[in-house]
C-alpha cells in the first residue's frame, strides 16, 4: 500500500508534462498567428496587383488604391 501512496505523491514527472503543455499552447498560438498573417499578406499583395493592373490602362486610379 505504501508503494501506491509513494507513486501517487511522486511529482518528478510533472515538470516535463508542464513543459509539453506550454510548448503545445505556444506552438498553437504561433501557428494561428502565422495563418492569419499569411492571409493578410496575401490579401494585401492581391490588392496591390489589382491596383497595378487597373491603373495601367486608365487615367485615374480607383479610390481603393
PDB file of N, CA and C in Angstrom:
ATOM      1  N   UNK A   1       0.814  -1.193   0.000  1.00  0.00           N
ATOM      2  CA  UNK A   1       0.000   0.000   0.000  1.00  0.00           C
ATOM      3  C   UNK A   1       0.859   1.259   0.000  1.00  0.00           C
ATOM      4  N   UNK A   2       1.999   1.214   0.662  1.00  0.00           N
ATOM      5  CA  UNK A   2       2.875   2.390   0.685  1.00  0.00           C
ATOM      6  C   UNK A   2       3.450   2.664  -0.704  1.00  0.00           C
ATOM      7  N   UNK A   3       3.597   1.618  -1.511  1.00  0.00           N
ATOM      8  CA  UNK A   3       4.083   1.814  -2.878  1.00  0.00           C
ATOM      9  C   UNK A   3       3.121   2.711  -3.651  1.00  0.00           C
ATOM     10  N   UNK A   4       1.833   2.464  -3.532  1.00  0.00           N
ATOM     11  CA  UNK A   4       0.842   3.268  -4.232  1.00  0.00           C
ATOM     12  C   UNK A   4       0.772   4.700  -3.684  1.00  0.00           C
ATOM     13  N   UNK A   5       0.957   4.860  -2.396  1.00  0.00           N
ATOM     14  CA  UNK A   5       0.991   6.192  -1.800  1.00  0.00           C
ATOM     15  C   UNK A   5       2.190   6.970  -2.325  1.00  0.00           C
ATOM     16  N   UNK A   6       3.338   6.307  -2.375  1.00  0.00           N
ATOM     17  CA  UNK A   6       4.532   6.976  -2.897  1.00  0.00           C
ATOM     18  C   UNK A   6       4.384   7.296  -4.385  1.00  0.00           C
ATOM     19  N   UNK A   7       3.792   6.404  -5.128  1.00  0.00           N
ATOM     20  CA  UNK A   7       3.578   6.632  -6.550  1.00  0.00           C
ATOM     21  C   UNK A   7       2.589   7.785  -6.768  1.00  0.00           C
ATOM     22  N   UNK A   8       1.569   7.863  -5.943  1.00  0.00           N
ATOM     23  CA  UNK A   8       0.572   8.929  -6.055  1.00  0.00           C
ATOM     24  C   UNK A   8       1.177  10.296  -5.714  1.00  0.00           C
ATOM     25  N   UNK A   9       2.077  10.346  -4.738  1.00  0.00           N
ATOM     26  CA  UNK A   9       2.681  11.594  -4.288  1.00  0.00           C
ATOM     27  C   UNK A   9       3.915  11.993  -5.090  1.00  0.00           C
ATOM     28  N   UNK A  10       4.390  11.128  -5.973  1.00  0.00           N
ATOM     29  CA  UNK A  10       5.583  11.417  -6.767  1.00  0.00           C
ATOM     30  C   UNK A  10       5.247  12.455  -7.839  1.00  0.00           C
ATOM     31  N   UNK A  11       5.970  13.578  -7.834  1.00  0.00           N
ATOM     32  CA  UNK A  11       5.729  14.649  -8.797  1.00  0.00           C
ATOM     33  C   UNK A  11       6.956  14.917  -9.668  1.00  0.00           C
ATOM     34  N   UNK A  12       7.823  13.951  -9.798  1.00  0.00           N
ATOM     35  CA  UNK A  12       9.058  14.184 -10.554  1.00  0.00           C
ATOM     36  C   UNK A  12       8.803  14.354 -12.044  1.00  0.00           C
ATOM     37  N   UNK A  13       7.752  13.741 -12.580  1.00  0.00           N
ATOM     38  CA  UNK A  13       7.462  13.876 -13.999  1.00  0.00           C
ATOM     39  C   UNK A  13       6.544  15.040 -14.321  1.00  0.00           C
ATOM     40  N   UNK A  14       6.126  15.779 -13.325  1.00  0.00           N
ATOM     41  CA  UNK A  14       5.179  16.866 -13.557  1.00  0.00           C
ATOM     42  C   UNK A  14       5.801  17.990 -14.365  1.00  0.00           C
ATOM     43  N   UNK A  15       7.063  18.263 -14.168  1.00  0.00           N
ATOM     44  CA  UNK A  15       7.676  19.385 -14.883  1.00  0.00           C
ATOM     45  C   UNK A  15       7.751  19.101 -16.379  1.00  0.00           C
ATOM     46  N   UNK A  16       8.036  17.879 -16.773  1.00  0.00           N
ATOM     47  CA  UNK A  16       8.097  17.545 -18.194  1.00  0.00           C
ATOM     48  C   UNK A  16       6.712  17.676 -18.834  1.00  0.00           C
ATOM     49  N   UNK A  17       5.689  17.263 -18.136  1.00  0.00           N
ATOM     50  CA  UNK A  17       4.333  17.388 -18.661  1.00  0.00           C
ATOM     51  C   UNK A  17       3.918  18.852 -18.763  1.00  0.00           C
ATOM     52  N   UNK A  18       4.324  19.649 -17.812  1.00  0.00           N
ATOM     53  CA  UNK A  18       4.004  21.074 -17.865  1.00  0.00           C
ATOM     54  C   UNK A  18       4.715  21.748 -19.028  1.00  0.00           C
ATOM     55  N   UNK A  19       5.976  21.410 -19.248  1.00  0.00           N
ATOM     56  CA  UNK A  19       6.707  21.979 -20.378  1.00  0.00           C
ATOM     57  C   UNK A  19       6.078  21.555 -21.702  1.00  0.00           C
ATOM     58  N   UNK A  20       5.629  20.341 -21.807  1.00  0.00           N
ATOM     59  CA  UNK A  20       4.979  19.872 -23.034  1.00  0.00           C
ATOM     60  C   UNK A  20       3.671  20.617 -23.264  1.00  0.00           C
ATOM     61  N   UNK A  21       2.922  20.880 -22.210  1.00  0.00           N
ATOM     62  CA  UNK A  21       1.672  21.624 -22.339  1.00  0.00           C
ATOM     63  C   UNK A  21       1.934  23.072 -22.758  1.00  0.00           C
ATOM     64  N   UNK A  22       2.928  23.696 -22.170  1.00  0.00           N
ATOM     65  CA  UNK A  22       3.289  25.067 -22.549  1.00  0.00           C
ATOM     66  C   UNK A  22       3.747  25.108 -23.997  1.00  0.00           C
ATOM     67  N   UNK A  23       4.545  24.151 -24.403  1.00  0.00           N
ATOM     68  CA  UNK A  23       5.022  24.084 -25.778  1.00  0.00           C
ATOM     69  C   UNK A  23       3.859  23.912 -26.755  1.00  0.00           C
ATOM     70  N   UNK A  24       2.896  23.101 -26.413  1.00  0.00           N
ATOM     71  CA  UNK A  24       1.731  22.901 -27.280  1.00  0.00           C
ATOM     72  C   UNK A  24       0.906  24.180 -27.404  1.00  0.00           C
ATOM     73  N   UNK A  25       0.725  24.888 -26.307  1.00  0.00           N
ATOM     74  CA  UNK A  25      -0.053  26.131 -26.338  1.00  0.00           C
ATOM     75  C   UNK A  25       0.670  27.197 -27.148  1.00  0.00           C
ATOM     76  N   UNK A  26       1.955  27.366 -26.917  1.00  0.00           N
ATOM     77  CA  UNK A  26       2.732  28.365 -27.657  1.00  0.00           C
ATOM     78  C   UNK A  26       2.796  28.000 -29.136  1.00  0.00           C
ATOM     79  N   UNK A  27       2.985  26.732 -29.439  1.00  0.00           N
ATOM     80  CA  UNK A  27       3.026  26.295 -30.829  1.00  0.00           C
ATOM     81  C   UNK A  27       1.720  26.542 -31.550  1.00  0.00           C
ATOM     82  N   UNK A  28       0.617  26.304 -30.878  1.00  0.00           N
ATOM     83  CA  UNK A  28      -0.690  26.573 -31.471  1.00  0.00           C
ATOM     84  C   UNK A  28      -0.878  28.068 -31.713  1.00  0.00           C
ATOM     85  N   UNK A  29      -0.458  28.881 -30.780  1.00  0.00           N
ATOM     86  CA  UNK A  29      -0.551  30.329 -30.952  1.00  0.00           C
ATOM     87  C   UNK A  29       0.273  30.823 -32.131  1.00  0.00           C
ATOM     88  N   UNK A  30       1.472  30.293 -32.292  1.00  0.00           N
ATOM     89  CA  UNK A  30       2.320  30.675 -33.416  1.00  0.00           C
ATOM     90  C   UNK A  30       1.692  30.223 -34.732  1.00  0.00           C
ATOM     91  N   UNK A  31       1.137  29.037 -34.766  1.00  0.00           N
ATOM     92  CA  UNK A  31       0.510  28.536 -35.990  1.00  0.00           C
ATOM     93  C   UNK A  31      -0.693  29.387 -36.385  1.00  0.00           C
ATOM     94  N   UNK A  32      -1.525  29.748 -35.421  1.00  0.00           N
ATOM     95  CA  UNK A  32      -2.703  30.570 -35.720  1.00  0.00           C
ATOM     96  C   UNK A  32      -2.275  31.968 -36.173  1.00  0.00           C
ATOM     97  N   UNK A  33      -1.274  32.535 -35.516  1.00  0.00           N
ATOM     98  CA  UNK A  33      -0.806  33.865 -35.894  1.00  0.00           C
ATOM     99  C   UNK A  33      -0.206  33.862 -37.296  1.00  0.00           C
ATOM    100  N   UNK A  34       0.566  32.848 -37.628  1.00  0.00           N
ATOM    101  CA  UNK A  34       1.169  32.797 -38.962  1.00  0.00           C
ATOM    102  C   UNK A  34       0.113  32.558 -40.033  1.00  0.00           C
ATOM    103  N   UNK A  35      -0.905  31.777 -39.736  1.00  0.00           N
ATOM    104  CA  UNK A  35      -2.003  31.543 -40.684  1.00  0.00           C
ATOM    105  C   UNK A  35      -2.739  32.855 -40.964  1.00  0.00           C
ATOM    106  N   UNK A  36      -3.031  33.599 -39.916  1.00  0.00           N
ATOM    107  CA  UNK A  36      -3.735  34.875 -40.054  1.00  0.00           C
ATOM    108  C   UNK A  36      -2.870  35.902 -40.776  1.00  0.00           C
ATOM    109  N   UNK A  37      -1.607  35.988 -40.393  1.00  0.00           N
ATOM    110  CA  UNK A  37      -0.703  36.938 -41.029  1.00  0.00           C
ATOM    111  C   UNK A  37      -0.491  36.594 -42.494  1.00  0.00           C
ATOM    112  N   UNK A  38      -0.398  35.322 -42.808  1.00  0.00           N
ATOM    113  CA  UNK A  38      -0.247  34.898 -44.197  1.00  0.00           C
ATOM    114  C   UNK A  38      -1.438  35.301 -45.041  1.00  0.00           C
ATOM    115  N   UNK A  39      -2.633  35.165 -44.498  1.00  0.00           N
ATOM    116  CA  UNK A  39      -3.829  35.582 -45.217  1.00  0.00           C
ATOM    117  C   UNK A  39      -3.872  37.086 -45.435  1.00  0.00           C
ATOM    118  N   UNK A  40      -3.468  37.838 -44.435  1.00  0.00           N
ATOM    119  CA  UNK A  40      -3.465  39.298 -44.556  1.00  0.00           C
ATOM    120  C   UNK A  40      -2.439  39.754 -45.591  1.00  0.00           C
ATOM    121  N   UNK A  41      -1.276  39.129 -45.602  1.00  0.00           N
ATOM    122  CA  UNK A  41      -0.251  39.480 -46.583  1.00  0.00           C
ATOM    123  C   UNK A  41      -0.718  39.109 -47.986  1.00  0.00           C
ATOM    124  N   UNK A  42      -1.341  37.954 -48.137  1.00  0.00           N
ATOM    125  CA  UNK A  42      -1.862  37.539 -49.435  1.00  0.00           C
ATOM    126  C   UNK A  42      -2.912  38.505 -49.967  1.00  0.00           C
ATOM    127  N   UNK A  43      -3.798  38.970 -49.086  1.00  0.00           N
ATOM    128  CA  UNK A  43      -4.818  39.943 -49.494  1.00  0.00           C
ATOM    129  C   UNK A  43      -4.186  41.268 -49.895  1.00  0.00           C
ATOM    130  N   UNK A  44      -3.180  41.706 -49.155  1.00  0.00           N
ATOM    131  CA  UNK A  44      -2.521  42.975 -49.475  1.00  0.00           C
ATOM    132  C   UNK A  44      -1.808  42.902 -50.816  1.00  0.00           C
ATOM    133  N   UNK A  45      -1.150  41.788 -51.086  1.00  0.00           N
ATOM    134  CA  UNK A  45      -0.457  41.631 -52.365  1.00  0.00           C
ATOM    135  C   UNK A  45      -1.476  41.554 -53.503  1.00  0.00           C
ATOM    136  N   UNK A  46      -2.577  40.874 -53.292  1.00  0.00           N
ATOM    137  CA  UNK A  46      -3.627  40.804 -54.302  1.00  0.00           C
ATOM    138  C   UNK A  46      -4.223  42.170 -54.601  1.00  0.00           C
ATOM    139  N   UNK A  47      -4.458  42.963 -53.561  1.00  0.00           N
ATOM    140  CA  UNK A  47      -4.985  44.324 -53.758  1.00  0.00           C
ATOM    141  C   UNK A  47      -3.987  45.189 -54.517  1.00  0.00           C
ATOM    142  N   UNK A  48      -2.706  45.068 -54.181  1.00  0.00           N
ATOM    143  CA  UNK A  48      -1.683  45.844 -54.882  1.00  0.00           C
ATOM    144  C   UNK A  48      -1.604  45.433 -56.346  1.00  0.00           C
ATOM    145  N   UNK A  49      -1.698  44.151 -56.619  1.00  0.00           N
ATOM    146  CA  UNK A  49      -1.658  43.675 -58.003  1.00  0.00           C
ATOM    147  C   UNK A  49      -2.864  44.180 -58.786  1.00  0.00           C
ATOM    148  N   UNK A  50      -4.030  44.193 -58.155  1.00  0.00           N
ATOM    149  CA  UNK A  50      -5.227  44.722 -58.819  1.00  0.00           C
ATOM    150  C   UNK A  50      -5.082  46.208 -59.123  1.00  0.00           C
ATOM    151  N   UNK A  51      -4.497  46.967 -58.199  1.00  0.00           N
ATOM    152  CA  UNK A  51      -4.295  48.396 -58.436  1.00  0.00           C
ATOM    153  C   UNK A  51      -3.315  48.627 -59.581  1.00  0.00           C
ATOM    154  N   UNK A  52      -2.286  47.807 -59.666  1.00  0.00           N
ATOM    155  CA  UNK A  52      -1.309  47.958 -60.742  1.00  0.00           C
ATOM    156  C   UNK A  52      -1.955  47.633 -62.082  1.00  0.00           C
ATOM    157  N   UNK A  53      -2.739  46.568 -62.128  1.00  0.00           N
ATOM    158  CA  UNK A  53      -3.397  46.188 -63.377  1.00  0.00           C
ATOM    159  C   UNK A  53      -4.456  47.215 -63.786  1.00  0.00           C
ATOM    160  N   UNK A  54      -5.215  47.727 -62.831  1.00  0.00           N
ATOM    161  CA  UNK A  54      -6.269  48.691 -63.131  1.00  0.00           C
ATOM    162  C   UNK A  54      -5.703  50.031 -63.589  1.00  0.00           C
ATOM    163  N   UNK A  55      -4.580  50.433 -63.036  1.00  0.00           N
ATOM    164  CA  UNK A  55      -4.043  51.747 -63.346  1.00  0.00           C
ATOM    165  C   UNK A  55      -3.200  51.747 -64.623  1.00  0.00           C
ATOM    166  N   UNK A  56      -2.875  50.584 -65.169  1.00  0.00           N
ATOM    167  CA  UNK A  56      -2.007  50.572 -66.346  1.00  0.00           C
ATOM    168  C   UNK A  56      -2.723  51.060 -67.594  1.00  0.00           C
ATOM    169  N   UNK A  57      -4.029  50.938 -67.693  1.00  0.00           N
ATOM    170  CA  UNK A  57      -4.745  51.365 -68.877  1.00  0.00           C
ATOM    171  C   UNK A  57      -5.683  52.538 -68.643  1.00  0.00           C
ATOM    172  N   UNK A  58      -5.824  52.987 -67.427  1.00  0.00           N
ATOM    173  CA  UNK A  58      -6.765  54.076 -67.117  1.00  0.00           C
ATOM    174  C   UNK A  58      -6.002  55.315 -66.693  1.00  0.00           C
ATOM    175  N   UNK A  59      -6.647  56.455 -66.852  1.00  0.00           N
ATOM    176  CA  UNK A  59      -6.023  57.714 -66.466  1.00  0.00           C
ATOM    177  C   UNK A  59      -6.136  57.974 -64.971  1.00  0.00           C
ATOM    178  N   UNK A  60      -7.260  57.599 -64.373  1.00  0.00           N
ATOM    179  CA  UNK A  60      -7.482  57.844 -62.943  1.00  0.00           C
ATOM    180  C   UNK A  60      -7.420  56.526 -62.191  1.00  0.00           C
ATOM    181  N   UNK A  61      -6.828  56.562 -60.997  1.00  0.00           N
ATOM    182  CA  UNK A  61      -6.741  55.355 -60.176  1.00  0.00           C
ATOM    183  C   UNK A  61      -8.021  55.215 -59.353  1.00  0.00           C
ATOM    184  N   UNK A  62      -8.417  53.971 -59.070  1.00  0.00           N
ATOM    185  CA  UNK A  62      -9.590  53.752 -58.222  1.00  0.00           C
ATOM    186  C   UNK A  62      -9.360  54.293 -56.821  1.00  0.00           C
ATOM    187  N   UNK A  63     -10.437  54.540 -56.090  1.00  0.00           N
ATOM    188  CA  UNK A  63     -10.339  55.113 -54.748  1.00  0.00           C
ATOM    189  C   UNK A  63      -9.653  54.168 -53.772  1.00  0.00           C
ATOM    190  N   UNK A  64      -9.701  52.859 -54.012  1.00  0.00           N
ATOM    191  CA  UNK A  64      -9.110  51.898 -53.085  1.00  0.00           C
ATOM    192  C   UNK A  64      -7.591  51.813 -53.201  1.00  0.00           C
ATOM    193  N   UNK A  65      -7.038  52.403 -54.230  1.00  0.00           N
ATOM    194  CA  UNK A  65      -5.575  52.344 -54.427  1.00  0.00           C
ATOM    195  C   UNK A  65      -4.987  53.534 -53.821  1.00  0.00           C
TER     196      UNK A  65
END
